[in-house]
Amino acid sequence: MGVDLELAPDVLVPREETELLGRKAVAILEAVPPEARVIDMCCGSGNLALGIAAAVPFARIWGADLTDSTVALARRNVDRLALGGRVSIRQGDLFAALEGDSLEGTVDVVVCNPPYISTGRLESDSAHLLENEPREAFDGGPYGISIHQRLIRDAAAFLKPGGWLLFEFGEGQDRQAAALLSRAKVYEPVSFATDHDGKPRVAIVRKIGADAGERS
């Protein structure tokens, strides 16, 4: 997405497929009124937050992650790109990291590239991923969707009516993602963005409420 990032051995290395998520978010933000508010949950190195900030000059972005090393790296990347005026990095367990920022009900877009590999796969055919990157970046619980469950539930309180939630998921997890969103009963029907092979990899869904013309 046109930004150069510092990486670190104990933080997830950004993958090409996450650019799909970032570019879909940028396209949505281009139709949102100025001074849009964006949350990048599970921000890692800050790649999504900073890629979006570079592409959408009016956006104000909050990134959040859990570990000391990840948050420190993301903050270094914010400084590296001189985007500290519009990008803030918080530390904590998912949306608890944003307590005190008074963002509830005001956010236009939430993006997230969460861990989505099942614990069992990390112990078997995907074990090689842990040779150079941290378990926290990959382990999505017994079925690979533990973080997605919390994200879908908790993002609703931060999104304004008509706000957008976009998140990445693993190959073959689109039905699980659709089921989780349907059960939440606060989102419109989901659409999916596909990768170069035509496989669904990003969920795009809108919180029920005002349409774009009615949002303040």
N, C-alpha and C. Protein backbone atom coordinates (compact mmCIF):
# COMPACT_ATOMS: atom_id res chain seq x y z
N MET A 1 0.82 -1.22 0.00
CA MET A 1 0.00 0.00 0.00
C MET A 1 0.85 1.26 0.00
N GLY A 2 2.12 1.11 -0.36
CA GLY A 2 2.96 2.29 -0.55
C GLY A 2 3.64 2.83 0.68
N VAL A 3 3.71 2.04 1.75
CA VAL A 3 4.42 2.49 2.95
C VAL A 3 5.56 1.52 3.27
N ASP A 4 6.68 2.07 3.74
CA ASP A 4 7.82 1.26 4.15
C ASP A 4 7.77 1.10 5.66
N LEU A 5 7.88 -0.14 6.12
CA LEU A 5 7.72 -0.44 7.54
C LEU A 5 8.94 -1.12 8.11
N GLU A 6 9.25 -0.78 9.36
CA GLU A 6 10.22 -1.56 10.12
C GLU A 6 9.53 -2.84 10.59
N LEU A 7 10.23 -3.95 10.57
CA LEU A 7 9.71 -5.21 11.08
C LEU A 7 10.54 -5.66 12.27
N ALA A 8 10.06 -6.68 12.96
CA ALA A 8 10.76 -7.20 14.13
C ALA A 8 10.50 -8.69 14.22
N PRO A 9 11.44 -9.47 14.77
CA PRO A 9 11.31 -10.93 14.77
C PRO A 9 10.16 -11.46 15.62
N ASP A 10 9.66 -10.68 16.58
CA ASP A 10 8.59 -11.17 17.44
C ASP A 10 7.25 -10.52 17.12
N VAL A 11 7.11 -10.01 15.88
CA VAL A 11 5.85 -9.40 15.42
C VAL A 11 5.53 -9.97 14.04
N LEU A 12 4.23 -10.17 13.77
CA LEU A 12 3.80 -10.73 12.49
C LEU A 12 4.34 -9.93 11.31
N VAL A 13 4.85 -10.63 10.32
CA VAL A 13 5.27 -9.99 9.07
C VAL A 13 4.03 -9.81 8.19
N PRO A 14 3.74 -8.59 7.74
CA PRO A 14 2.55 -8.38 6.90
C PRO A 14 2.59 -9.23 5.63
N ARG A 15 1.43 -9.77 5.27
CA ARG A 15 1.29 -10.59 4.07
C ARG A 15 0.57 -9.82 2.96
N GLU A 16 0.81 -10.26 1.75
CA GLU A 16 0.20 -9.60 0.59
C GLU A 16 -1.32 -9.61 0.66
N GLU A 17 -1.90 -10.71 1.17
CA GLU A 17 -3.35 -10.80 1.17
C GLU A 17 -4.01 -9.73 2.04
N THR A 18 -3.27 -9.19 3.01
CA THR A 18 -3.85 -8.16 3.87
C THR A 18 -4.02 -6.84 3.13
N GLU A 19 -3.29 -6.66 2.02
CA GLU A 19 -3.51 -5.47 1.19
C GLU A 19 -4.93 -5.45 0.65
N LEU A 20 -5.52 -6.62 0.40
CA LEU A 20 -6.91 -6.69 -0.05
C LEU A 20 -7.83 -6.03 0.96
N LEU A 21 -7.63 -6.33 2.23
CA LEU A 21 -8.40 -5.72 3.30
C LEU A 21 -8.17 -4.22 3.33
N GLY A 22 -6.92 -3.80 3.26
CA GLY A 22 -6.61 -2.37 3.32
C GLY A 22 -7.21 -1.60 2.18
N ARG A 23 -7.14 -2.13 0.98
CA ARG A 23 -7.65 -1.40 -0.19
C ARG A 23 -9.17 -1.34 -0.19
N LYS A 24 -9.82 -2.36 0.31
CA LYS A 24 -11.28 -2.30 0.43
C LYS A 24 -11.69 -1.25 1.45
N ALA A 25 -10.95 -1.13 2.54
CA ALA A 25 -11.24 -0.09 3.53
C ALA A 25 -11.04 1.30 2.95
N VAL A 26 -9.97 1.48 2.19
CA VAL A 26 -9.70 2.78 1.56
C VAL A 26 -10.84 3.15 0.62
N ALA A 27 -11.33 2.21 -0.16
CA ALA A 27 -12.42 2.48 -1.10
C ALA A 27 -13.67 2.95 -0.37
N ILE A 28 -13.97 2.33 0.77
CA ILE A 28 -15.13 2.74 1.56
C ILE A 28 -14.91 4.13 2.13
N LEU A 29 -13.71 4.40 2.64
CA LEU A 29 -13.43 5.69 3.27
C LEU A 29 -13.47 6.85 2.29
N GLU A 30 -13.23 6.57 1.03
CA GLU A 30 -13.29 7.64 0.03
C GLU A 30 -14.70 8.20 -0.12
N ALA A 31 -15.71 7.44 0.32
CA ALA A 31 -17.09 7.91 0.25
C ALA A 31 -17.63 8.38 1.59
N VAL A 32 -16.77 8.42 2.60
CA VAL A 32 -17.17 8.82 3.95
C VAL A 32 -16.83 10.31 4.13
N PRO A 33 -17.64 11.05 4.90
CA PRO A 33 -17.33 12.46 5.12
C PRO A 33 -15.94 12.66 5.71
N PRO A 34 -15.38 13.87 5.55
CA PRO A 34 -14.05 14.16 6.09
C PRO A 34 -13.94 13.87 7.58
N GLU A 35 -12.70 13.68 8.02
CA GLU A 35 -12.38 13.38 9.43
C GLU A 35 -13.00 12.06 9.87
N ALA A 36 -12.97 11.08 8.98
CA ALA A 36 -13.46 9.75 9.32
C ALA A 36 -12.64 9.17 10.47
N ARG A 37 -13.30 8.36 11.28
CA ARG A 37 -12.63 7.67 12.38
C ARG A 37 -12.51 6.19 12.04
N VAL A 38 -11.30 5.66 12.23
CA VAL A 38 -11.00 4.28 11.87
C VAL A 38 -10.31 3.60 13.05
N ILE A 39 -10.66 2.35 13.30
CA ILE A 39 -9.95 1.52 14.28
C ILE A 39 -9.29 0.37 13.53
N ASP A 40 -7.98 0.18 13.77
CA ASP A 40 -7.27 -0.99 13.26
C ASP A 40 -7.00 -1.89 14.46
N MET A 41 -7.86 -2.90 14.63
CA MET A 41 -7.74 -3.82 15.76
C MET A 41 -6.76 -4.94 15.41
N CYS A 42 -5.94 -5.36 16.38
CA CYS A 42 -4.86 -6.33 16.13
C CYS A 42 -3.90 -5.74 15.10
N CYS A 43 -3.39 -4.55 15.38
CA CYS A 43 -2.70 -3.75 14.36
C CYS A 43 -1.32 -4.26 13.99
N GLY A 44 -0.72 -5.14 14.80
CA GLY A 44 0.61 -5.66 14.45
C GLY A 44 1.61 -4.53 14.28
N SER A 45 2.34 -4.56 13.18
CA SER A 45 3.36 -3.55 12.90
C SER A 45 2.78 -2.19 12.56
N GLY A 46 1.46 -2.11 12.44
CA GLY A 46 0.80 -0.88 12.04
C GLY A 46 0.55 -0.80 10.55
N ASN A 47 0.72 -1.90 9.85
CA ASN A 47 0.66 -1.86 8.39
C ASN A 47 -0.68 -1.37 7.85
N LEU A 48 -1.79 -1.86 8.39
CA LEU A 48 -3.08 -1.41 7.90
C LEU A 48 -3.36 0.04 8.30
N ALA A 49 -3.13 0.36 9.56
CA ALA A 49 -3.38 1.72 10.03
C ALA A 49 -2.60 2.74 9.21
N LEU A 50 -1.34 2.44 8.97
CA LEU A 50 -0.48 3.40 8.27
C LEU A 50 -0.74 3.41 6.78
N GLY A 51 -1.05 2.25 6.19
CA GLY A 51 -1.41 2.22 4.78
C GLY A 51 -2.68 3.01 4.52
N ILE A 52 -3.66 2.87 5.41
CA ILE A 52 -4.91 3.62 5.26
C ILE A 52 -4.66 5.11 5.48
N ALA A 53 -3.87 5.44 6.50
CA ALA A 53 -3.59 6.86 6.77
C ALA A 53 -2.90 7.53 5.60
N ALA A 54 -1.99 6.81 4.96
CA ALA A 54 -1.27 7.38 3.81
C ALA A 54 -2.20 7.59 2.62
N ALA A 55 -3.18 6.70 2.46
CA ALA A 55 -4.08 6.77 1.31
C ALA A 55 -5.26 7.71 1.52
N VAL A 56 -5.62 7.92 2.79
CA VAL A 56 -6.82 8.73 3.10
C VAL A 56 -6.38 9.86 4.04
N PRO A 57 -5.99 11.00 3.50
CA PRO A 57 -5.37 12.04 4.31
C PRO A 57 -6.25 12.64 5.41
N PHE A 58 -7.56 12.47 5.29
CA PHE A 58 -8.45 13.07 6.30
C PHE A 58 -8.76 12.10 7.44
N ALA A 59 -8.36 10.85 7.34
CA ALA A 59 -8.76 9.85 8.34
C ALA A 59 -7.97 10.00 9.64
N ARG A 60 -8.66 9.76 10.75
CA ARG A 60 -8.04 9.69 12.08
C ARG A 60 -8.12 8.25 12.52
N ILE A 61 -6.98 7.65 12.89
CA ILE A 61 -6.92 6.20 13.08
C ILE A 61 -6.36 5.85 14.45
N TRP A 62 -7.01 4.88 15.07
CA TRP A 62 -6.52 4.30 16.33
C TRP A 62 -6.17 2.84 16.06
N GLY A 63 -4.93 2.45 16.32
CA GLY A 63 -4.51 1.06 16.22
C GLY A 63 -4.37 0.48 17.61
N ALA A 64 -4.58 -0.82 17.74
CA ALA A 64 -4.48 -1.46 19.06
C ALA A 64 -3.95 -2.87 18.92
N ASP A 65 -3.09 -3.25 19.88
CA ASP A 65 -2.60 -4.62 19.95
C ASP A 65 -2.24 -4.93 21.40
N LEU A 66 -1.84 -6.18 21.63
CA LEU A 66 -1.74 -6.68 23.00
C LEU A 66 -0.33 -6.62 23.59
N THR A 67 0.68 -7.02 22.84
CA THR A 67 2.00 -7.24 23.45
C THR A 67 2.87 -5.99 23.40
N ASP A 68 3.79 -5.93 24.35
CA ASP A 68 4.70 -4.78 24.45
C ASP A 68 5.48 -4.58 23.16
N SER A 69 6.04 -5.68 22.63
CA SER A 69 6.91 -5.56 21.46
C SER A 69 6.13 -5.11 20.23
N THR A 70 4.91 -5.61 20.07
CA THR A 70 4.11 -5.23 18.91
C THR A 70 3.72 -3.76 18.97
N VAL A 71 3.28 -3.31 20.12
CA VAL A 71 2.88 -1.91 20.27
C VAL A 71 4.08 -0.99 20.07
N ALA A 72 5.22 -1.37 20.62
CA ALA A 72 6.42 -0.54 20.45
C ALA A 72 6.81 -0.43 18.99
N LEU A 73 6.73 -1.55 18.25
CA LEU A 73 7.07 -1.52 16.83
C LEU A 73 6.09 -0.65 16.05
N ALA A 74 4.79 -0.80 16.31
CA ALA A 74 3.80 0.01 15.61
C ALA A 74 4.04 1.50 15.86
N ARG A 75 4.38 1.85 17.09
CA ARG A 75 4.64 3.26 17.40
C ARG A 75 5.89 3.75 16.70
N ARG A 76 6.89 2.91 16.58
CA ARG A 76 8.08 3.32 15.82
C ARG A 76 7.74 3.56 14.36
N ASN A 77 6.87 2.73 13.81
CA ASN A 77 6.48 2.92 12.41
C ASN A 77 5.64 4.18 12.22
N VAL A 78 4.82 4.51 13.19
CA VAL A 78 4.08 5.78 13.13
C VAL A 78 5.07 6.95 13.07
N ASP A 79 6.08 6.91 13.95
CA ASP A 79 7.08 7.98 13.97
C ASP A 79 7.89 7.98 12.67
N ARG A 80 8.21 6.81 12.17
CA ARG A 80 9.00 6.68 10.95
C ARG A 80 8.33 7.38 9.77
N LEU A 81 6.99 7.28 9.72
CA LEU A 81 6.23 7.86 8.63
C LEU A 81 5.65 9.24 8.97
N ALA A 82 6.01 9.75 10.15
CA ALA A 82 5.58 11.09 10.58
C ALA A 82 4.05 11.23 10.53
N LEU A 83 3.35 10.20 11.03
CA LEU A 83 1.89 10.22 11.02
C LEU A 83 1.30 10.29 12.43
N GLY A 84 2.11 10.71 13.38
CA GLY A 84 1.65 10.77 14.76
C GLY A 84 0.50 11.73 14.99
N GLY A 85 0.30 12.66 14.10
CA GLY A 85 -0.82 13.58 14.25
C GLY A 85 -2.17 12.96 13.97
N ARG A 86 -2.17 11.82 13.24
CA ARG A 86 -3.44 11.19 12.87
C ARG A 86 -3.56 9.73 13.27
N VAL A 87 -2.44 9.12 13.67
CA VAL A 87 -2.46 7.70 14.03
C VAL A 87 -1.98 7.53 15.46
N SER A 88 -2.82 6.92 16.30
CA SER A 88 -2.47 6.65 17.69
C SER A 88 -2.49 5.14 17.92
N ILE A 89 -1.50 4.64 18.63
CA ILE A 89 -1.41 3.21 18.93
C ILE A 89 -1.68 2.99 20.41
N ARG A 90 -2.61 2.11 20.71
CA ARG A 90 -2.98 1.79 22.09
C ARG A 90 -2.62 0.33 22.39
N GLN A 91 -2.51 0.02 23.68
CA GLN A 91 -2.17 -1.34 24.10
C GLN A 91 -3.26 -1.89 25.01
N GLY A 92 -3.68 -3.14 24.73
CA GLY A 92 -4.66 -3.79 25.57
C GLY A 92 -5.29 -4.98 24.86
N ASP A 93 -6.25 -5.59 25.53
CA ASP A 93 -6.93 -6.78 25.02
C ASP A 93 -8.11 -6.35 24.15
N LEU A 94 -7.92 -6.38 22.84
CA LEU A 94 -8.92 -5.95 21.87
C LEU A 94 -9.46 -4.56 22.23
N PHE A 95 -10.77 -4.38 22.27
CA PHE A 95 -11.32 -3.03 22.40
C PHE A 95 -11.11 -2.43 23.78
N ALA A 96 -10.71 -3.23 24.76
CA ALA A 96 -10.36 -2.65 26.06
C ALA A 96 -9.19 -1.69 25.94
N ALA A 97 -8.39 -1.84 24.89
CA ALA A 97 -7.26 -0.93 24.68
C ALA A 97 -7.71 0.50 24.43
N LEU A 98 -8.96 0.68 24.02
CA LEU A 98 -9.45 1.99 23.62
C LEU A 98 -10.29 2.67 24.69
N GLU A 99 -10.31 2.10 25.88
CA GLU A 99 -11.02 2.75 26.98
C GLU A 99 -10.41 4.12 27.23
N GLY A 100 -11.25 5.11 27.36
CA GLY A 100 -10.76 6.46 27.59
C GLY A 100 -10.66 7.31 26.34
N ASP A 101 -10.80 6.69 25.16
CA ASP A 101 -10.74 7.45 23.91
C ASP A 101 -12.10 7.95 23.45
N SER A 102 -13.17 7.56 24.16
CA SER A 102 -14.53 8.05 23.86
C SER A 102 -14.91 7.81 22.40
N LEU A 103 -14.66 6.60 21.92
CA LEU A 103 -14.93 6.27 20.53
C LEU A 103 -16.25 5.53 20.32
N GLU A 104 -16.90 5.12 21.39
CA GLU A 104 -18.11 4.32 21.26
C GLU A 104 -19.16 5.06 20.43
N GLY A 105 -19.68 4.37 19.42
CA GLY A 105 -20.73 4.92 18.59
C GLY A 105 -20.30 6.00 17.61
N THR A 106 -18.98 6.17 17.40
CA THR A 106 -18.50 7.27 16.55
C THR A 106 -17.64 6.83 15.39
N VAL A 107 -17.37 5.53 15.25
CA VAL A 107 -16.35 5.06 14.32
C VAL A 107 -16.97 4.70 12.96
N ASP A 108 -16.33 5.14 11.89
CA ASP A 108 -16.81 4.87 10.53
C ASP A 108 -16.41 3.49 10.03
N VAL A 109 -15.18 3.08 10.34
CA VAL A 109 -14.66 1.81 9.82
C VAL A 109 -13.80 1.13 10.89
N VAL A 110 -14.03 -0.15 11.11
CA VAL A 110 -13.15 -1.00 11.91
C VAL A 110 -12.54 -2.03 10.98
N VAL A 111 -11.22 -2.13 10.97
CA VAL A 111 -10.53 -3.17 10.22
C VAL A 111 -9.79 -4.07 11.19
N CYS A 112 -9.61 -5.32 10.81
CA CYS A 112 -8.91 -6.26 11.69
C CYS A 112 -8.35 -7.41 10.88
N ASN A 113 -7.08 -7.70 11.11
CA ASN A 113 -6.46 -8.93 10.60
C ASN A 113 -6.09 -9.77 11.83
N PRO A 114 -7.05 -10.55 12.33
CA PRO A 114 -6.84 -11.27 13.58
C PRO A 114 -6.12 -12.60 13.36
N PRO A 115 -5.63 -13.22 14.43
CA PRO A 115 -5.14 -14.60 14.32
C PRO A 115 -6.30 -15.51 13.87
N TYR A 116 -6.05 -16.40 12.90
CA TYR A 116 -7.17 -17.23 12.43
C TYR A 116 -6.77 -18.66 12.10
N ILE A 117 -5.65 -19.12 12.61
CA ILE A 117 -5.26 -20.52 12.43
C ILE A 117 -5.60 -21.28 13.71
N SER A 118 -6.21 -22.43 13.57
CA SER A 118 -6.60 -23.19 14.76
C SER A 118 -5.37 -23.67 15.53
N THR A 119 -5.53 -23.80 16.83
CA THR A 119 -4.43 -24.26 17.69
C THR A 119 -3.89 -25.60 17.21
N GLY A 120 -4.80 -26.50 16.81
CA GLY A 120 -4.37 -27.82 16.35
C GLY A 120 -3.49 -27.76 15.12
N ARG A 121 -3.84 -26.90 14.17
CA ARG A 121 -3.02 -26.77 12.96
C ARG A 121 -1.65 -26.19 13.27
N LEU A 122 -1.58 -25.31 14.26
CA LEU A 122 -0.28 -24.75 14.63
C LEU A 122 0.62 -25.80 15.26
N GLU A 123 0.02 -26.86 15.74
CA GLU A 123 0.81 -27.94 16.32
C GLU A 123 1.17 -28.99 15.28
N SER A 124 0.62 -28.84 14.05
CA SER A 124 0.86 -29.86 13.02
C SER A 124 1.33 -29.22 11.72
N ASP A 125 0.44 -29.12 10.72
CA ASP A 125 0.88 -28.73 9.38
C ASP A 125 1.29 -27.27 9.27
N SER A 126 0.90 -26.42 10.23
CA SER A 126 1.29 -25.00 10.18
C SER A 126 2.35 -24.65 11.21
N ALA A 127 2.98 -25.65 11.81
CA ALA A 127 3.96 -25.40 12.86
C ALA A 127 5.13 -24.55 12.38
N HIS A 128 5.44 -24.61 11.06
CA HIS A 128 6.57 -23.85 10.53
C HIS A 128 6.39 -22.35 10.72
N LEU A 129 5.15 -21.89 10.85
CA LEU A 129 4.91 -20.45 11.02
C LEU A 129 5.51 -19.93 12.32
N LEU A 130 5.65 -20.80 13.30
CA LEU A 130 6.14 -20.38 14.61
C LEU A 130 7.65 -20.35 14.70
N GLU A 131 8.33 -20.70 13.61
CA GLU A 131 9.80 -20.70 13.65
C GLU A 131 10.36 -19.28 13.74
N ASN A 132 9.67 -18.31 13.13
CA ASN A 132 10.19 -16.95 13.10
C ASN A 132 9.20 -15.88 13.53
N GLU A 133 7.97 -16.29 13.86
CA GLU A 133 6.95 -15.31 14.24
C GLU A 133 6.20 -15.82 15.47
N PRO A 134 5.57 -14.92 16.24
CA PRO A 134 5.00 -15.29 17.53
C PRO A 134 3.67 -16.03 17.40
N ARG A 135 3.41 -16.95 18.33
CA ARG A 135 2.16 -17.70 18.35
C ARG A 135 0.96 -16.77 18.40
N GLU A 136 1.05 -15.68 19.16
CA GLU A 136 -0.09 -14.77 19.32
C GLU A 136 -0.59 -14.22 17.98
N ALA A 137 0.29 -14.17 16.99
CA ALA A 137 -0.09 -13.63 15.69
C ALA A 137 -0.91 -14.60 14.85
N PHE A 138 -0.93 -15.87 15.23
CA PHE A 138 -1.58 -16.89 14.40
C PHE A 138 -2.69 -17.65 15.11
N ASP A 139 -2.56 -17.88 16.42
CA ASP A 139 -3.42 -18.82 17.13
C ASP A 139 -4.83 -18.24 17.32
N GLY A 140 -5.78 -18.78 16.57
CA GLY A 140 -7.17 -18.33 16.65
C GLY A 140 -8.04 -19.22 17.49
N GLY A 141 -7.44 -20.01 18.39
CA GLY A 141 -8.23 -20.88 19.25
C GLY A 141 -8.56 -22.21 18.61
N PRO A 142 -9.41 -23.01 19.24
CA PRO A 142 -9.67 -24.38 18.78
C PRO A 142 -10.16 -24.47 17.34
N TYR A 143 -10.94 -23.49 16.90
CA TYR A 143 -11.50 -23.54 15.54
C TYR A 143 -10.99 -22.40 14.65
N GLY A 144 -10.07 -21.61 15.16
CA GLY A 144 -9.49 -20.53 14.39
C GLY A 144 -10.30 -19.25 14.35
N ILE A 145 -11.41 -19.19 15.09
CA ILE A 145 -12.30 -18.03 15.00
C ILE A 145 -12.57 -17.38 16.36
N SER A 146 -11.76 -17.69 17.35
CA SER A 146 -12.02 -17.14 18.69
C SER A 146 -11.96 -15.62 18.71
N ILE A 147 -10.97 -15.04 18.04
CA ILE A 147 -10.86 -13.58 18.01
C ILE A 147 -11.96 -12.98 17.15
N HIS A 148 -12.31 -13.64 16.05
CA HIS A 148 -13.41 -13.15 15.22
C HIS A 148 -14.71 -13.03 16.04
N GLN A 149 -14.97 -14.01 16.90
CA GLN A 149 -16.19 -13.97 17.71
C GLN A 149 -16.24 -12.71 18.57
N ARG A 150 -15.12 -12.41 19.21
CA ARG A 150 -15.07 -11.22 20.08
C ARG A 150 -15.10 -9.94 19.26
N LEU A 151 -14.40 -9.93 18.14
CA LEU A 151 -14.38 -8.76 17.27
C LEU A 151 -15.78 -8.38 16.80
N ILE A 152 -16.50 -9.35 16.27
CA ILE A 152 -17.84 -9.11 15.73
C ILE A 152 -18.77 -8.62 16.82
N ARG A 153 -18.67 -9.20 17.99
CA ARG A 153 -19.53 -8.79 19.11
C ARG A 153 -19.21 -7.38 19.58
N ASP A 154 -17.92 -7.09 19.79
CA ASP A 154 -17.53 -5.85 20.46
C ASP A 154 -17.42 -4.65 19.51
N ALA A 155 -17.17 -4.90 18.22
CA ALA A 155 -17.05 -3.78 17.28
C ALA A 155 -18.35 -3.00 17.17
N ALA A 156 -19.48 -3.67 17.36
CA ALA A 156 -20.77 -3.02 17.17
C ALA A 156 -20.94 -1.81 18.08
N ALA A 157 -20.39 -1.87 19.27
CA ALA A 157 -20.54 -0.74 20.21
C ALA A 157 -19.74 0.47 19.77
N PHE A 158 -18.71 0.28 18.97
CA PHE A 158 -17.86 1.39 18.54
C PHE A 158 -18.29 1.97 17.21
N LEU A 159 -18.89 1.16 16.35
CA LEU A 159 -19.33 1.65 15.05
C LEU A 159 -20.54 2.54 15.17
N LYS A 160 -20.56 3.62 14.38
CA LYS A 160 -21.78 4.42 14.29
C LYS A 160 -22.79 3.67 13.43
N PRO A 161 -24.07 4.01 13.50
CA PRO A 161 -25.03 3.37 12.60
C PRO A 161 -24.60 3.57 11.15
N GLY A 162 -24.56 2.49 10.40
CA GLY A 162 -24.09 2.55 9.03
C GLY A 162 -22.58 2.42 8.89
N GLY A 163 -21.86 2.27 10.01
CA GLY A 163 -20.41 2.08 9.96
C GLY A 163 -20.06 0.69 9.44
N TRP A 164 -18.80 0.53 9.05
CA TRP A 164 -18.35 -0.69 8.37
C TRP A 164 -17.35 -1.48 9.21
N LEU A 165 -17.49 -2.80 9.17
CA LEU A 165 -16.53 -3.73 9.76
C LEU A 165 -15.95 -4.57 8.64
N LEU A 166 -14.61 -4.60 8.55
CA LEU A 166 -13.91 -5.41 7.56
C LEU A 166 -12.87 -6.24 8.28
N PHE A 167 -12.83 -7.54 8.00
CA PHE A 167 -11.82 -8.37 8.64
C PHE A 167 -11.37 -9.50 7.73
N GLU A 168 -10.14 -9.90 7.93
CA GLU A 168 -9.55 -11.00 7.19
C GLU A 168 -9.85 -12.32 7.91
N PHE A 169 -9.89 -13.41 7.14
CA PHE A 169 -10.06 -14.73 7.73
C PHE A 169 -9.33 -15.74 6.86
N GLY A 170 -9.20 -16.94 7.36
CA GLY A 170 -8.46 -17.98 6.66
C GLY A 170 -9.26 -18.61 5.53
N GLU A 171 -8.56 -19.32 4.66
CA GLU A 171 -9.23 -20.02 3.57
C GLU A 171 -10.26 -21.00 4.12
N GLY A 172 -11.46 -20.94 3.57
CA GLY A 172 -12.51 -21.85 3.99
C GLY A 172 -13.28 -21.42 5.22
N GLN A 173 -12.99 -20.23 5.77
CA GLN A 173 -13.69 -19.77 6.97
C GLN A 173 -14.84 -18.81 6.66
N ASP A 174 -15.18 -18.65 5.40
CA ASP A 174 -16.21 -17.67 5.05
C ASP A 174 -17.58 -18.05 5.62
N ARG A 175 -17.91 -19.32 5.63
CA ARG A 175 -19.21 -19.71 6.18
C ARG A 175 -19.27 -19.47 7.68
N GLN A 176 -18.17 -19.73 8.37
CA GLN A 176 -18.13 -19.45 9.81
C GLN A 176 -18.29 -17.96 10.06
N ALA A 177 -17.61 -17.14 9.26
CA ALA A 177 -17.70 -15.70 9.42
C ALA A 177 -19.12 -15.21 9.19
N ALA A 178 -19.75 -15.73 8.14
CA ALA A 178 -21.13 -15.32 7.84
C ALA A 178 -22.07 -15.72 8.96
N ALA A 179 -21.86 -16.90 9.53
CA ALA A 179 -22.73 -17.36 10.61
C ALA A 179 -22.57 -16.49 11.86
N LEU A 180 -21.34 -16.14 12.18
CA LEU A 180 -21.09 -15.29 13.34
C LEU A 180 -21.75 -13.92 13.17
N LEU A 181 -21.63 -13.35 11.98
CA LEU A 181 -22.22 -12.04 11.72
C LEU A 181 -23.74 -12.10 11.77
N SER A 182 -24.32 -13.16 11.23
CA SER A 182 -25.77 -13.30 11.25
C SER A 182 -26.30 -13.42 12.68
N ARG A 183 -25.59 -14.19 13.49
CA ARG A 183 -26.03 -14.40 14.87
C ARG A 183 -25.95 -13.12 15.70
N ALA A 184 -25.05 -12.21 15.32
CA ALA A 184 -24.89 -10.96 16.08
C ALA A 184 -26.12 -10.07 15.97
N LYS A 185 -26.87 -10.18 14.87
CA LYS A 185 -28.13 -9.47 14.66
C LYS A 185 -27.98 -7.94 14.69
N VAL A 186 -26.80 -7.42 14.39
CA VAL A 186 -26.60 -5.97 14.35
C VAL A 186 -25.99 -5.52 13.03
N TYR A 187 -25.80 -6.47 12.11
CA TYR A 187 -25.15 -6.15 10.84
C TYR A 187 -26.06 -6.50 9.66
N GLU A 188 -25.86 -5.75 8.56
CA GLU A 188 -26.51 -6.08 7.31
C GLU A 188 -25.88 -7.35 6.72
N PRO A 189 -26.46 -7.93 5.66
CA PRO A 189 -25.85 -9.13 5.06
C PRO A 189 -24.41 -8.87 4.62
N VAL A 190 -23.56 -9.86 4.82
CA VAL A 190 -22.13 -9.72 4.56
C VAL A 190 -21.82 -9.93 3.09
N SER A 191 -20.78 -9.26 2.60
CA SER A 191 -20.20 -9.57 1.30
C SER A 191 -18.75 -9.94 1.53
N PHE A 192 -18.15 -10.61 0.53
CA PHE A 192 -16.77 -11.06 0.68
C PHE A 192 -15.91 -10.56 -0.47
N ALA A 193 -14.68 -10.18 -0.15
CA ALA A 193 -13.68 -9.88 -1.16
C ALA A 193 -12.82 -11.11 -1.36
N THR A 194 -12.48 -11.40 -2.61
CA THR A 194 -11.74 -12.61 -2.93
C THR A 194 -10.30 -12.31 -3.33
N ASP A 195 -9.44 -13.29 -3.12
CA ASP A 195 -8.03 -13.13 -3.47
C ASP A 195 -7.82 -13.46 -4.95
N HIS A 196 -6.54 -13.54 -5.35
CA HIS A 196 -6.21 -13.79 -6.76
C HIS A 196 -6.73 -15.13 -7.25
N ASP A 197 -6.95 -16.07 -6.33
CA ASP A 197 -7.44 -17.39 -6.70
C ASP A 197 -8.96 -17.49 -6.62
N GLY A 198 -9.62 -16.37 -6.35
CA GLY A 198 -11.06 -16.37 -6.25
C GLY A 198 -11.60 -16.88 -4.93
N LYS A 199 -10.74 -17.00 -3.92
CA LYS A 199 -11.17 -17.51 -2.61
C LYS A 199 -11.55 -16.34 -1.70
N PRO A 200 -12.70 -16.43 -1.01
CA PRO A 200 -13.08 -15.37 -0.07
C PRO A 200 -12.05 -15.25 1.05
N ARG A 201 -11.59 -14.02 1.31
CA ARG A 201 -10.58 -13.82 2.35
C ARG A 201 -10.88 -12.62 3.24
N VAL A 202 -11.81 -11.76 2.84
CA VAL A 202 -12.13 -10.56 3.63
C VAL A 202 -13.64 -10.41 3.71
N ALA A 203 -14.15 -10.26 4.92
CA ALA A 203 -15.57 -9.98 5.14
C ALA A 203 -15.79 -8.47 5.18
N ILE A 204 -16.85 -8.02 4.52
CA ILE A 204 -17.20 -6.60 4.48
C ILE A 204 -18.66 -6.50 4.88
N VAL A 205 -18.92 -5.80 5.98
CA VAL A 205 -20.29 -5.79 6.50
C VAL A 205 -20.56 -4.44 7.16
N ARG A 206 -21.81 -4.05 7.12
CA ARG A 206 -22.21 -2.74 7.62
C ARG A 206 -23.13 -2.89 8.83
N LYS A 207 -22.92 -2.05 9.82
CA LYS A 207 -23.80 -2.05 10.97
C LYS A 207 -25.17 -1.51 10.57
N ILE A 208 -26.21 -2.16 11.03
CA ILE A 208 -27.56 -1.72 10.72
C ILE A 208 -27.77 -0.31 11.25
N GLY A 209 -28.40 0.53 10.44
CA GLY A 209 -28.66 1.89 10.88
C GLY A 209 -28.74 2.84 9.71
N ALA A 210 -28.34 4.08 9.95
CA ALA A 210 -28.46 5.13 8.95
C ALA A 210 -27.65 4.79 7.72
N ASP A 211 -28.13 5.23 6.55
CA ASP A 211 -27.33 5.04 5.35
C ASP A 211 -26.29 6.15 5.25
N ALA A 212 -25.40 6.05 4.26
CA ALA A 212 -24.25 6.94 4.19
C ALA A 212 -24.67 8.40 4.17
N GLY A 213 -25.77 8.73 3.53
CA GLY A 213 -26.18 10.11 3.44
C GLY A 213 -26.68 10.68 4.74
N GLU A 214 -27.04 9.82 5.69
CA GLU A 214 -27.59 10.29 6.96
C GLU A 214 -26.54 10.35 8.05
N ARG A 215 -25.35 9.82 7.79
CA ARG A 215 -24.33 9.81 8.85
C ARG A 215 -23.74 11.18 9.02
N SER A 216 -23.46 11.54 10.25
CA SER A 216 -22.85 12.85 10.52
C SER A 216 -21.35 12.73 10.53
